[in-house]
């Protein structure tokens, strides 16, 4: 009889503790999910806008003071494309900027995050200055970057832009059929059923600068 008297309160206490533990876990996971989404959104804006302004500064279309809102001082000092700028000898008229976000890695309890982006400028036009080494504007090298960000005073800054690899812009195209006589089948051929493919999601930022 005494054992039964202790069993009911023990089960009640365990039920309350288990319920409280489940609530704590759910609240904690929700909080971390919210932080992750907020950090990812902030990093996406910082990187896409920062890299766009970086390209504008390299092409002489922007001021380096604009980059201070997105990049750390050391990152700007160590940026090879800013230090050895081949486009400072040209007056750029217009260009087509494209930035594709390939991957974003961020954890809510870390102060650092990284994003993989692919940067392209397929077309650049402009006129050379007197000290220009060539008469035509050099082509932009398409590169894949790993952009490292750090959170400081509740704000994200780009602290390093690392080159991952050079990206080829050549797209393989099928050889056209040069036959002048079309081949018409005697009986209709059923079309093959299309198979859906799951591809990695990526977003692209484009900017066309024209006078």
N, C-alpha and C. Protein backbone atom coordinates (compact mmCIF):
# COMPACT_ATOMS: atom_id res chain seq x y z
N UNK A 1 0.82 -1.21 0.00
CA UNK A 1 0.00 0.00 0.00
C UNK A 1 0.86 1.26 0.00
N UNK A 2 1.93 1.23 0.79
CA UNK A 2 2.84 2.37 0.86
C UNK A 2 3.53 2.60 -0.48
N UNK A 3 3.90 1.50 -1.16
CA UNK A 3 4.56 1.62 -2.47
C UNK A 3 3.65 2.27 -3.49
N UNK A 4 2.37 1.92 -3.46
CA UNK A 4 1.43 2.52 -4.40
C UNK A 4 1.25 4.01 -4.14
N UNK A 5 1.33 4.40 -2.85
CA UNK A 5 1.19 5.82 -2.51
C UNK A 5 2.34 6.65 -3.08
N UNK A 6 3.56 6.07 -3.20
CA UNK A 6 4.72 6.78 -3.74
C UNK A 6 4.78 6.72 -5.26
N UNK A 7 4.14 5.69 -5.84
CA UNK A 7 4.23 5.50 -7.30
C UNK A 7 3.52 6.62 -8.06
N UNK A 8 2.34 7.01 -7.61
CA UNK A 8 1.56 8.04 -8.31
C UNK A 8 2.27 9.39 -8.31
N UNK A 9 2.75 9.88 -7.17
CA UNK A 9 3.49 11.16 -7.21
C UNK A 9 4.76 11.09 -8.04
N UNK A 10 5.44 9.94 -7.99
CA UNK A 10 6.67 9.80 -8.76
C UNK A 10 6.38 9.91 -10.25
N UNK A 11 5.32 9.25 -10.70
CA UNK A 11 4.95 9.33 -12.11
C UNK A 11 4.52 10.75 -12.49
N UNK A 12 3.83 11.42 -11.59
CA UNK A 12 3.39 12.80 -11.87
C UNK A 12 4.59 13.72 -12.00
N UNK A 13 5.56 13.56 -11.11
CA UNK A 13 6.76 14.40 -11.18
C UNK A 13 7.53 14.13 -12.47
N UNK A 14 7.66 12.85 -12.83
CA UNK A 14 8.38 12.51 -14.06
C UNK A 14 7.66 13.06 -15.29
N UNK A 15 6.33 13.02 -15.28
CA UNK A 15 5.56 13.56 -16.41
C UNK A 15 5.79 15.07 -16.54
N UNK A 16 5.79 15.79 -15.41
CA UNK A 16 6.01 17.24 -15.44
C UNK A 16 7.41 17.55 -15.93
N UNK A 17 8.41 16.82 -15.41
CA UNK A 17 9.80 17.07 -15.83
C UNK A 17 9.99 16.78 -17.31
N UNK A 18 9.39 15.70 -17.78
CA UNK A 18 9.52 15.35 -19.20
C UNK A 18 8.86 16.41 -20.08
N UNK A 19 7.71 16.90 -19.66
CA UNK A 19 7.01 17.93 -20.43
C UNK A 19 7.82 19.22 -20.47
N UNK A 20 8.38 19.61 -19.32
CA UNK A 20 9.20 20.82 -19.26
C UNK A 20 10.44 20.66 -20.14
N UNK A 21 11.06 19.47 -20.10
CA UNK A 21 12.25 19.23 -20.91
C UNK A 21 11.94 19.33 -22.40
N UNK A 22 10.80 18.78 -22.82
CA UNK A 22 10.40 18.84 -24.23
C UNK A 22 10.16 20.29 -24.65
N UNK A 23 9.52 21.05 -23.78
CA UNK A 23 9.26 22.46 -24.10
C UNK A 23 10.56 23.23 -24.24
N UNK A 24 11.52 22.96 -23.34
CA UNK A 24 12.81 23.65 -23.40
C UNK A 24 13.54 23.32 -24.70
N UNK A 25 13.52 22.03 -25.09
CA UNK A 25 14.19 21.61 -26.33
C UNK A 25 13.55 22.28 -27.54
N UNK A 26 12.21 22.32 -27.59
CA UNK A 26 11.51 22.93 -28.72
C UNK A 26 11.80 24.43 -28.80
N UNK A 27 11.77 25.10 -27.64
CA UNK A 27 12.05 26.55 -27.63
C UNK A 27 13.48 26.82 -28.06
N UNK A 28 14.42 26.00 -27.58
CA UNK A 28 15.83 26.18 -27.94
C UNK A 28 16.05 25.98 -29.44
N UNK A 29 15.46 24.92 -30.00
CA UNK A 29 15.60 24.66 -31.44
C UNK A 29 14.97 25.78 -32.26
N UNK A 30 13.83 26.28 -31.81
CA UNK A 30 13.17 27.38 -32.52
C UNK A 30 14.03 28.65 -32.49
N UNK A 31 14.64 28.90 -31.33
CA UNK A 31 15.50 30.07 -31.19
C UNK A 31 16.71 29.98 -32.10
N UNK A 32 17.36 28.81 -32.13
CA UNK A 32 18.53 28.62 -32.99
C UNK A 32 18.15 28.69 -34.47
N UNK A 33 16.98 28.15 -34.81
CA UNK A 33 16.52 28.22 -36.20
C UNK A 33 16.28 29.68 -36.61
N UNK A 34 15.72 30.46 -35.70
CA UNK A 34 15.48 31.88 -35.98
C UNK A 34 16.81 32.62 -36.16
N UNK A 35 17.78 32.35 -35.27
CA UNK A 35 19.09 32.99 -35.39
C UNK A 35 19.77 32.62 -36.71
N UNK A 36 19.69 31.33 -37.06
CA UNK A 36 20.33 30.88 -38.31
C UNK A 36 19.73 31.58 -39.51
N UNK A 37 18.40 31.67 -39.55
CA UNK A 37 17.73 32.34 -40.67
C UNK A 37 18.08 33.83 -40.71
N UNK A 38 18.14 34.47 -39.54
CA UNK A 38 18.47 35.89 -39.50
C UNK A 38 19.91 36.13 -39.94
N UNK A 39 20.85 35.30 -39.44
CA UNK A 39 22.25 35.45 -39.83
C UNK A 39 22.43 35.19 -41.32
N UNK A 40 21.77 34.15 -41.84
CA UNK A 40 21.89 33.82 -43.26
C UNK A 40 21.39 34.97 -44.13
N UNK A 41 20.29 35.58 -43.72
CA UNK A 41 19.75 36.71 -44.49
C UNK A 41 20.72 37.90 -44.47
N UNK A 42 21.27 38.19 -43.28
CA UNK A 42 22.22 39.30 -43.17
C UNK A 42 23.48 39.06 -43.98
N UNK A 43 24.01 37.83 -43.91
CA UNK A 43 25.24 37.50 -44.64
C UNK A 43 25.00 37.57 -46.14
N UNK A 44 23.85 37.10 -46.58
CA UNK A 44 23.53 37.15 -48.02
C UNK A 44 23.55 38.60 -48.51
N UNK A 45 22.94 39.50 -47.76
CA UNK A 45 22.91 40.91 -48.17
C UNK A 45 24.31 41.52 -48.14
N UNK A 46 25.06 41.24 -47.07
CA UNK A 46 26.40 41.80 -46.94
C UNK A 46 27.30 41.34 -48.07
N UNK A 47 27.28 40.05 -48.39
CA UNK A 47 28.18 39.51 -49.41
C UNK A 47 27.78 39.97 -50.80
N UNK A 48 26.50 39.88 -51.15
CA UNK A 48 26.08 40.24 -52.50
C UNK A 48 26.28 41.74 -52.76
N UNK A 49 25.87 42.56 -51.80
CA UNK A 49 26.06 44.00 -51.99
C UNK A 49 27.53 44.38 -51.91
N UNK A 50 28.27 43.76 -50.98
CA UNK A 50 29.68 44.07 -50.83
C UNK A 50 30.50 43.70 -52.06
N UNK A 51 30.27 42.51 -52.61
CA UNK A 51 31.02 42.09 -53.79
C UNK A 51 30.65 42.94 -55.01
N UNK A 52 29.39 43.37 -55.09
CA UNK A 52 28.98 44.24 -56.19
C UNK A 52 29.69 45.59 -56.12
N UNK A 53 29.75 46.16 -54.91
CA UNK A 53 30.45 47.44 -54.74
C UNK A 53 31.95 47.27 -54.97
N UNK A 54 32.52 46.14 -54.56
CA UNK A 54 33.94 45.87 -54.80
C UNK A 54 34.24 45.90 -56.29
N UNK A 55 33.40 45.25 -57.10
CA UNK A 55 33.60 45.26 -58.55
C UNK A 55 33.48 46.68 -59.11
N UNK A 56 32.53 47.45 -58.58
CA UNK A 56 32.37 48.84 -59.04
C UNK A 56 33.62 49.66 -58.75
N UNK A 57 34.21 49.46 -57.58
CA UNK A 57 35.43 50.20 -57.22
C UNK A 57 36.60 49.78 -58.12
N UNK A 58 36.71 48.49 -58.41
CA UNK A 58 37.78 48.02 -59.28
C UNK A 58 37.64 48.63 -60.67
N UNK A 59 36.41 48.75 -61.14
CA UNK A 59 36.16 49.29 -62.48
C UNK A 59 36.05 50.81 -62.50
N UNK A 60 36.34 51.44 -61.37
CA UNK A 60 36.32 52.90 -61.33
C UNK A 60 34.95 53.51 -61.30
N UNK A 61 33.93 52.73 -60.90
CA UNK A 61 32.56 53.24 -60.87
C UNK A 61 32.09 53.54 -59.44
N UNK A 62 32.95 53.32 -58.44
CA UNK A 62 32.55 53.54 -57.06
C UNK A 62 33.72 54.00 -56.21
N UNK A 63 33.42 54.42 -54.99
CA UNK A 63 34.43 54.89 -54.05
C UNK A 63 34.72 53.79 -53.03
N UNK A 64 35.99 53.69 -52.63
CA UNK A 64 36.39 52.67 -51.66
C UNK A 64 35.76 52.89 -50.30
N UNK A 65 35.36 54.12 -50.00
CA UNK A 65 34.69 54.39 -48.72
C UNK A 65 33.37 53.63 -48.62
N UNK A 66 32.75 53.32 -49.76
CA UNK A 66 31.52 52.53 -49.74
C UNK A 66 31.78 51.12 -49.27
N UNK A 67 32.98 50.61 -49.53
CA UNK A 67 33.30 49.23 -49.14
C UNK A 67 33.46 49.08 -47.64
N UNK A 68 33.73 50.17 -46.93
CA UNK A 68 33.95 50.10 -45.49
C UNK A 68 32.71 49.63 -44.73
N UNK A 69 31.54 49.76 -45.33
CA UNK A 69 30.32 49.28 -44.69
C UNK A 69 30.20 47.76 -44.76
N UNK A 70 30.98 47.13 -45.62
CA UNK A 70 30.86 45.69 -45.85
C UNK A 70 32.16 44.92 -45.55
N UNK A 71 33.31 45.54 -45.76
CA UNK A 71 34.60 44.86 -45.63
C UNK A 71 35.38 45.40 -44.44
N UNK A 72 36.17 44.50 -43.84
CA UNK A 72 37.09 44.95 -42.79
C UNK A 72 38.26 45.69 -43.43
N UNK A 73 38.97 46.48 -42.62
CA UNK A 73 40.08 47.28 -43.13
C UNK A 73 41.19 46.36 -43.66
N UNK A 74 41.51 45.29 -42.93
CA UNK A 74 42.56 44.37 -43.37
C UNK A 74 42.19 43.66 -44.67
N UNK A 75 40.91 43.34 -44.83
CA UNK A 75 40.48 42.69 -46.06
C UNK A 75 40.69 43.60 -47.26
N UNK A 76 40.38 44.88 -47.11
CA UNK A 76 40.56 45.83 -48.21
C UNK A 76 42.05 46.04 -48.51
N UNK A 77 42.88 46.06 -47.46
CA UNK A 77 44.31 46.26 -47.67
C UNK A 77 44.96 45.09 -48.39
N UNK A 78 44.47 43.87 -48.13
CA UNK A 78 45.07 42.67 -48.71
C UNK A 78 44.40 42.21 -50.00
N UNK A 79 43.47 42.97 -50.51
CA UNK A 79 42.77 42.60 -51.74
C UNK A 79 43.68 42.88 -52.94
N UNK A 80 44.13 41.82 -53.61
CA UNK A 80 45.07 41.96 -54.72
C UNK A 80 44.46 42.72 -55.89
N UNK A 81 43.18 42.53 -56.14
CA UNK A 81 42.55 43.19 -57.28
C UNK A 81 42.40 44.69 -57.05
N UNK A 82 42.34 45.10 -55.79
CA UNK A 82 42.29 46.52 -55.48
C UNK A 82 43.69 47.13 -55.53
N UNK A 83 44.68 46.36 -55.05
CA UNK A 83 46.05 46.88 -55.04
C UNK A 83 46.64 46.93 -56.44
N UNK A 84 46.49 45.85 -57.21
CA UNK A 84 47.05 45.77 -58.56
C UNK A 84 45.89 45.84 -59.56
N UNK A 85 45.32 47.01 -59.67
CA UNK A 85 44.10 47.20 -60.47
C UNK A 85 44.46 47.52 -61.92
N UNK A 86 44.19 46.56 -62.81
CA UNK A 86 44.52 46.76 -64.22
C UNK A 86 43.51 47.68 -64.91
N UNK A 87 42.35 47.92 -64.26
CA UNK A 87 41.31 48.72 -64.90
C UNK A 87 41.43 50.21 -64.58
N UNK A 88 42.40 50.59 -63.75
CA UNK A 88 42.56 52.01 -63.45
C UNK A 88 43.10 52.79 -64.63
N UNK A 89 43.57 52.09 -65.68
CA UNK A 89 44.08 52.75 -66.88
C UNK A 89 42.99 52.92 -67.95
N UNK A 90 41.73 52.62 -67.58
CA UNK A 90 40.64 52.69 -68.56
C UNK A 90 39.45 53.42 -67.94
N UNK A 91 38.72 54.10 -68.80
CA UNK A 91 37.47 54.71 -68.40
C UNK A 91 36.35 53.77 -68.82
N UNK A 92 35.78 53.06 -67.84
CA UNK A 92 34.77 52.05 -68.14
C UNK A 92 33.43 52.73 -68.42
N UNK A 93 32.84 52.38 -69.55
CA UNK A 93 31.55 52.95 -69.93
C UNK A 93 30.39 52.13 -69.38
N UNK A 94 30.42 50.82 -69.56
CA UNK A 94 29.36 49.96 -69.03
C UNK A 94 29.90 48.54 -68.87
N UNK A 95 29.20 47.77 -68.07
CA UNK A 95 29.59 46.38 -67.83
C UNK A 95 28.37 45.60 -67.34
N UNK A 96 28.47 44.29 -67.44
CA UNK A 96 27.38 43.39 -67.04
C UNK A 96 27.90 42.51 -65.90
N UNK A 97 27.48 42.83 -64.67
CA UNK A 97 27.99 42.12 -63.49
C UNK A 97 27.05 41.00 -63.09
N UNK A 98 27.63 39.83 -62.81
CA UNK A 98 26.83 38.67 -62.40
C UNK A 98 27.50 37.98 -61.22
N UNK A 99 26.74 37.76 -60.17
CA UNK A 99 27.23 37.07 -58.97
C UNK A 99 26.26 35.96 -58.61
N UNK A 100 26.75 34.74 -58.58
CA UNK A 100 25.92 33.59 -58.25
C UNK A 100 26.33 33.05 -56.88
N UNK A 101 25.37 32.90 -55.99
CA UNK A 101 25.61 32.33 -54.67
C UNK A 101 25.48 30.81 -54.77
N UNK A 102 26.56 30.10 -54.46
CA UNK A 102 26.57 28.65 -54.57
C UNK A 102 26.30 27.93 -53.25
N UNK A 103 26.83 28.49 -52.16
CA UNK A 103 26.69 27.80 -50.87
C UNK A 103 26.87 28.79 -49.74
N UNK A 104 26.12 28.56 -48.66
CA UNK A 104 26.23 29.40 -47.47
C UNK A 104 26.34 28.50 -46.25
N UNK A 105 27.35 28.73 -45.42
CA UNK A 105 27.57 27.94 -44.20
C UNK A 105 27.60 28.88 -43.01
N UNK A 106 26.63 28.70 -42.10
CA UNK A 106 26.55 29.54 -40.92
C UNK A 106 25.93 28.74 -39.78
N UNK A 107 26.48 28.90 -38.57
CA UNK A 107 25.94 28.28 -37.37
C UNK A 107 25.61 29.39 -36.38
N UNK A 108 24.48 29.27 -35.67
CA UNK A 108 24.04 30.37 -34.81
C UNK A 108 24.97 30.67 -33.64
N UNK A 109 25.78 29.70 -33.22
CA UNK A 109 26.66 29.92 -32.07
C UNK A 109 28.08 30.33 -32.48
N UNK A 110 28.35 30.43 -33.78
CA UNK A 110 29.67 30.85 -34.25
C UNK A 110 29.67 32.31 -34.66
N UNK A 111 30.82 32.95 -34.54
CA UNK A 111 30.97 34.33 -34.97
C UNK A 111 31.51 34.45 -36.39
N UNK A 112 31.79 33.32 -37.01
CA UNK A 112 32.27 33.33 -38.39
C UNK A 112 31.34 32.52 -39.27
N UNK A 113 31.32 32.87 -40.55
CA UNK A 113 30.50 32.17 -41.54
C UNK A 113 31.21 32.28 -42.88
N UNK A 114 30.80 31.45 -43.83
CA UNK A 114 31.42 31.49 -45.15
C UNK A 114 30.36 31.32 -46.22
N UNK A 115 30.65 31.89 -47.38
CA UNK A 115 29.75 31.78 -48.53
C UNK A 115 30.59 31.55 -49.79
N UNK A 116 30.17 30.60 -50.61
CA UNK A 116 30.83 30.33 -51.89
C UNK A 116 30.04 31.06 -52.97
N UNK A 117 30.73 31.92 -53.73
CA UNK A 117 30.07 32.68 -54.79
C UNK A 117 30.90 32.58 -56.07
N UNK A 118 30.23 32.71 -57.20
CA UNK A 118 30.88 32.75 -58.50
C UNK A 118 30.63 34.12 -59.12
N UNK A 119 31.71 34.79 -59.47
CA UNK A 119 31.63 36.17 -59.98
C UNK A 119 32.03 36.20 -61.45
N UNK A 120 31.18 36.82 -62.27
CA UNK A 120 31.44 36.96 -63.71
C UNK A 120 31.08 38.37 -64.16
N UNK A 121 31.84 38.85 -65.13
CA UNK A 121 31.48 40.06 -65.88
C UNK A 121 31.70 39.72 -67.35
N UNK A 122 30.68 39.22 -68.04
CA UNK A 122 30.86 38.76 -69.42
C UNK A 122 31.28 39.86 -70.39
N UNK A 123 30.77 41.07 -70.16
CA UNK A 123 31.07 42.16 -71.10
C UNK A 123 31.51 43.41 -70.34
N UNK A 124 32.59 44.02 -70.82
CA UNK A 124 33.07 45.31 -70.32
C UNK A 124 33.45 46.15 -71.52
N UNK A 125 33.04 47.39 -71.51
CA UNK A 125 33.43 48.29 -72.59
C UNK A 125 33.90 49.61 -71.99
N UNK A 126 34.85 50.24 -72.67
CA UNK A 126 35.38 51.51 -72.20
C UNK A 126 36.47 52.01 -73.13
N UNK A 127 37.08 53.11 -72.74
CA UNK A 127 38.14 53.72 -73.55
C UNK A 127 39.41 53.80 -72.71
N UNK A 128 40.58 53.60 -73.34
CA UNK A 128 41.84 53.62 -72.59
C UNK A 128 42.32 55.05 -72.34
N UNK A 129 43.03 55.22 -71.21
CA UNK A 129 43.74 56.47 -70.97
C UNK A 129 45.09 56.42 -71.70
N UNK A 130 45.84 57.50 -71.64
CA UNK A 130 47.11 57.55 -72.37
C UNK A 130 48.12 56.54 -71.85
N UNK A 131 48.05 56.22 -70.55
CA UNK A 131 49.02 55.28 -69.98
C UNK A 131 48.56 53.83 -70.02
N UNK A 132 47.46 53.56 -70.74
CA UNK A 132 46.93 52.19 -70.80
C UNK A 132 47.89 51.28 -71.55
N UNK A 133 48.14 50.07 -71.01
CA UNK A 133 49.07 49.14 -71.68
C UNK A 133 48.51 48.57 -72.98
N UNK A 134 47.18 48.48 -73.10
CA UNK A 134 46.56 47.95 -74.31
C UNK A 134 45.42 48.87 -74.73
N UNK A 135 45.06 48.80 -76.00
CA UNK A 135 43.99 49.65 -76.51
C UNK A 135 42.61 49.15 -76.10
N UNK A 136 42.49 47.85 -75.87
CA UNK A 136 41.20 47.29 -75.49
C UNK A 136 41.16 47.00 -74.00
N UNK A 137 39.97 47.05 -73.43
CA UNK A 137 39.79 46.80 -72.00
C UNK A 137 40.02 45.31 -71.72
N UNK A 138 40.86 44.97 -70.73
CA UNK A 138 41.10 43.55 -70.42
C UNK A 138 39.82 42.84 -70.00
N UNK A 139 39.74 41.57 -70.34
CA UNK A 139 38.58 40.78 -69.95
C UNK A 139 38.63 40.50 -68.44
N UNK A 140 37.45 40.40 -67.85
CA UNK A 140 37.35 40.08 -66.42
C UNK A 140 37.51 38.58 -66.24
N UNK A 141 38.35 38.17 -65.31
CA UNK A 141 38.56 36.75 -65.05
C UNK A 141 37.44 36.24 -64.14
N UNK A 142 36.70 35.27 -64.62
CA UNK A 142 35.61 34.69 -63.83
C UNK A 142 36.21 33.77 -62.76
N UNK A 143 35.83 34.00 -61.50
CA UNK A 143 36.41 33.25 -60.39
C UNK A 143 35.32 32.80 -59.42
N UNK A 144 35.63 31.70 -58.75
CA UNK A 144 34.78 31.24 -57.64
C UNK A 144 35.51 31.58 -56.34
N UNK A 145 34.83 32.30 -55.46
CA UNK A 145 35.42 32.77 -54.21
C UNK A 145 34.80 32.07 -53.01
N UNK A 146 35.60 31.96 -51.95
CA UNK A 146 35.09 31.66 -50.62
C UNK A 146 35.18 32.96 -49.82
N UNK A 147 34.04 33.50 -49.48
CA UNK A 147 33.97 34.77 -48.75
C UNK A 147 33.76 34.47 -47.27
N UNK A 148 34.73 34.89 -46.44
CA UNK A 148 34.66 34.67 -45.00
C UNK A 148 34.10 35.91 -44.33
N UNK A 149 33.10 35.72 -43.48
CA UNK A 149 32.48 36.83 -42.75
C UNK A 149 32.65 36.62 -41.25
N UNK A 150 32.70 37.71 -40.52
CA UNK A 150 32.82 37.68 -39.06
C UNK A 150 31.82 38.64 -38.45
N UNK A 151 31.22 38.20 -37.35
CA UNK A 151 30.23 39.02 -36.65
C UNK A 151 30.93 39.83 -35.55
N UNK A 152 30.74 41.14 -35.61
CA UNK A 152 31.35 42.03 -34.64
C UNK A 152 30.35 43.10 -34.26
N UNK A 153 30.07 43.21 -32.95
CA UNK A 153 29.07 44.17 -32.46
C UNK A 153 27.72 43.97 -33.15
N UNK A 154 27.33 42.68 -33.23
CA UNK A 154 26.03 42.31 -33.83
C UNK A 154 25.91 42.72 -35.29
N UNK A 155 27.04 42.84 -35.99
CA UNK A 155 27.02 43.16 -37.41
C UNK A 155 28.07 42.32 -38.12
N UNK A 156 27.72 41.87 -39.33
CA UNK A 156 28.62 41.01 -40.11
C UNK A 156 29.48 41.86 -41.04
N UNK A 157 30.75 41.47 -41.14
CA UNK A 157 31.69 42.11 -42.06
C UNK A 157 32.44 41.03 -42.85
N UNK A 158 32.79 41.35 -44.08
CA UNK A 158 33.62 40.45 -44.88
C UNK A 158 35.07 40.64 -44.47
N UNK A 159 35.69 39.57 -43.99
CA UNK A 159 37.07 39.67 -43.49
C UNK A 159 38.09 39.05 -44.45
N UNK A 160 37.64 38.22 -45.37
CA UNK A 160 38.58 37.59 -46.31
C UNK A 160 37.84 37.15 -47.56
N UNK A 161 38.48 37.35 -48.72
CA UNK A 161 37.93 36.90 -50.00
C UNK A 161 38.99 35.98 -50.63
N UNK A 162 38.77 34.68 -50.55
CA UNK A 162 39.73 33.69 -51.02
C UNK A 162 39.31 33.15 -52.38
N UNK A 163 40.26 33.05 -53.29
CA UNK A 163 39.98 32.47 -54.61
C UNK A 163 39.96 30.95 -54.49
N UNK A 164 38.84 30.34 -54.88
CA UNK A 164 38.72 28.89 -54.89
C UNK A 164 39.26 28.30 -56.20
N UNK A 165 38.80 28.82 -57.31
CA UNK A 165 39.23 28.34 -58.61
C UNK A 165 38.77 29.29 -59.70
N UNK A 166 39.43 29.17 -60.84
CA UNK A 166 39.04 29.93 -62.01
C UNK A 166 37.88 29.21 -62.70
N UNK A 167 36.90 29.96 -63.13
CA UNK A 167 35.70 29.38 -63.74
C UNK A 167 35.73 29.62 -65.24
N UNK A 168 35.53 28.56 -65.99
CA UNK A 168 35.50 28.69 -67.45
C UNK A 168 34.14 29.16 -67.91
N UNK A 169 34.16 30.10 -68.85
CA UNK A 169 32.90 30.62 -69.41
C UNK A 169 32.52 29.93 -70.71
N UNK A 170 33.33 28.98 -71.15
CA UNK A 170 33.04 28.28 -72.40
C UNK A 170 31.93 27.26 -72.17
N UNK A 171 30.91 27.34 -72.97
CA UNK A 171 29.78 26.42 -72.87
C UNK A 171 29.77 25.52 -74.09
N UNK A 172 29.80 24.22 -73.88
CA UNK A 172 29.81 23.27 -74.99
C UNK A 172 28.44 23.26 -75.67
N UNK A 173 28.44 23.40 -76.97
CA UNK A 173 27.20 23.39 -77.74
C UNK A 173 27.21 22.19 -78.69
N UNK A 174 26.05 21.58 -78.93
CA UNK A 174 26.00 20.44 -79.84
C UNK A 174 26.31 20.85 -81.27
N UNK A 175 26.94 19.94 -82.01
CA UNK A 175 27.27 20.22 -83.41
C UNK A 175 26.00 20.25 -84.24
N UNK A 176 25.75 21.33 -84.99
CA UNK A 176 24.50 21.41 -85.75
C UNK A 176 24.47 20.41 -86.89
N UNK A 177 23.26 19.97 -87.27
CA UNK A 177 23.07 19.05 -88.37
C UNK A 177 23.08 19.85 -89.67
N UNK A 178 24.11 19.62 -90.52
CA UNK A 178 24.27 20.39 -91.75
C UNK A 178 23.54 19.76 -92.93
N UNK A 179 22.81 18.68 -92.71
CA UNK A 179 22.10 18.02 -93.80
C UNK A 179 20.96 18.91 -94.29
N UNK A 180 20.84 19.03 -95.63
CA UNK A 180 19.80 19.86 -96.22
C UNK A 180 18.49 19.10 -96.41
N UNK A 181 18.53 17.77 -96.31
CA UNK A 181 17.34 16.96 -96.52
C UNK A 181 16.82 16.48 -95.19
N UNK A 182 15.67 16.96 -94.78
CA UNK A 182 15.14 16.52 -93.47
C UNK A 182 14.73 15.06 -93.52
N UNK A 183 14.90 14.36 -92.44
CA UNK A 183 14.52 12.95 -92.34
C UNK A 183 13.18 12.89 -91.65
N UNK A 184 12.16 12.38 -92.38
CA UNK A 184 10.80 12.30 -91.85
C UNK A 184 10.47 10.83 -91.61
N UNK A 185 10.22 10.43 -90.40
CA UNK A 185 9.90 9.02 -90.14
C UNK A 185 8.55 8.67 -90.72
N UNK A 186 8.42 7.42 -91.17
CA UNK A 186 7.17 6.96 -91.77
C UNK A 186 6.07 6.84 -90.75
N UNK A 187 6.43 6.51 -89.52
CA UNK A 187 5.43 6.40 -88.45
C UNK A 187 5.84 7.31 -87.32
N UNK A 188 4.88 7.89 -86.63
CA UNK A 188 5.21 8.78 -85.52
C UNK A 188 6.01 8.05 -84.45
N UNK A 189 7.04 8.70 -83.96
CA UNK A 189 7.87 8.13 -82.90
C UNK A 189 7.46 8.74 -81.58
N UNK A 190 7.11 7.93 -80.60
CA UNK A 190 6.71 8.51 -79.31
C UNK A 190 7.86 9.26 -78.67
N UNK A 191 7.52 10.39 -78.09
CA UNK A 191 8.54 11.20 -77.44
C UNK A 191 8.93 10.55 -76.12
N UNK A 192 10.23 10.61 -75.76
CA UNK A 192 10.66 10.03 -74.49
C UNK A 192 10.11 10.82 -73.32
N UNK A 193 9.81 10.10 -72.26
CA UNK A 193 9.27 10.74 -71.06
C UNK A 193 10.36 11.47 -70.33
N UNK A 194 10.12 12.74 -70.00
CA UNK A 194 11.12 13.54 -69.31
C UNK A 194 11.26 13.08 -67.87
N UNK A 195 12.48 13.05 -67.37
CA UNK A 195 12.75 12.66 -65.99
C UNK A 195 13.19 13.88 -65.21
N UNK A 196 12.52 14.13 -64.12
CA UNK A 196 12.86 15.30 -63.31
C UNK A 196 14.18 15.08 -62.61
N UNK A 197 15.01 16.12 -62.54
CA UNK A 197 16.30 16.06 -61.86
C UNK A 197 16.34 17.10 -60.77
N UNK A 198 16.87 16.74 -59.64
CA UNK A 198 17.01 17.65 -58.53
C UNK A 198 18.34 18.35 -58.63
N UNK A 199 18.34 19.67 -58.73
CA UNK A 199 19.56 20.45 -58.89
C UNK A 199 19.75 21.32 -57.66
N UNK A 200 21.02 21.65 -57.33
CA UNK A 200 21.26 22.55 -56.21
C UNK A 200 20.73 23.94 -56.48
N UNK A 201 20.11 24.51 -55.48
CA UNK A 201 19.52 25.84 -55.64
C UNK A 201 20.60 26.90 -55.54
N UNK A 202 20.60 27.84 -56.45
CA UNK A 202 21.56 28.95 -56.41
C UNK A 202 20.84 30.21 -56.84
N UNK A 203 21.30 31.34 -56.35
CA UNK A 203 20.71 32.62 -56.71
C UNK A 203 21.77 33.46 -57.38
N UNK A 204 21.32 34.34 -58.28
CA UNK A 204 22.25 35.15 -59.05
C UNK A 204 21.88 36.61 -58.92
N UNK A 205 22.89 37.42 -58.69
CA UNK A 205 22.73 38.87 -58.63
C UNK A 205 23.35 39.46 -59.89
N UNK A 206 22.59 40.25 -60.60
CA UNK A 206 23.09 40.86 -61.82
C UNK A 206 22.99 42.36 -61.73
N UNK A 207 23.91 43.04 -62.37
CA UNK A 207 23.88 44.50 -62.41
C UNK A 207 24.50 44.95 -63.71
N UNK A 208 23.78 45.75 -64.46
CA UNK A 208 24.28 46.31 -65.69
C UNK A 208 24.49 47.79 -65.49
N UNK A 209 25.73 48.22 -65.66
CA UNK A 209 26.07 49.63 -65.46
C UNK A 209 26.19 50.30 -66.81
N UNK A 210 25.36 51.28 -67.05
CA UNK A 210 25.38 52.03 -68.29
C UNK A 210 25.33 53.51 -67.97
N UNK A 211 25.95 54.35 -68.82
CA UNK A 211 25.92 55.80 -68.57
C UNK A 211 24.52 56.36 -68.73
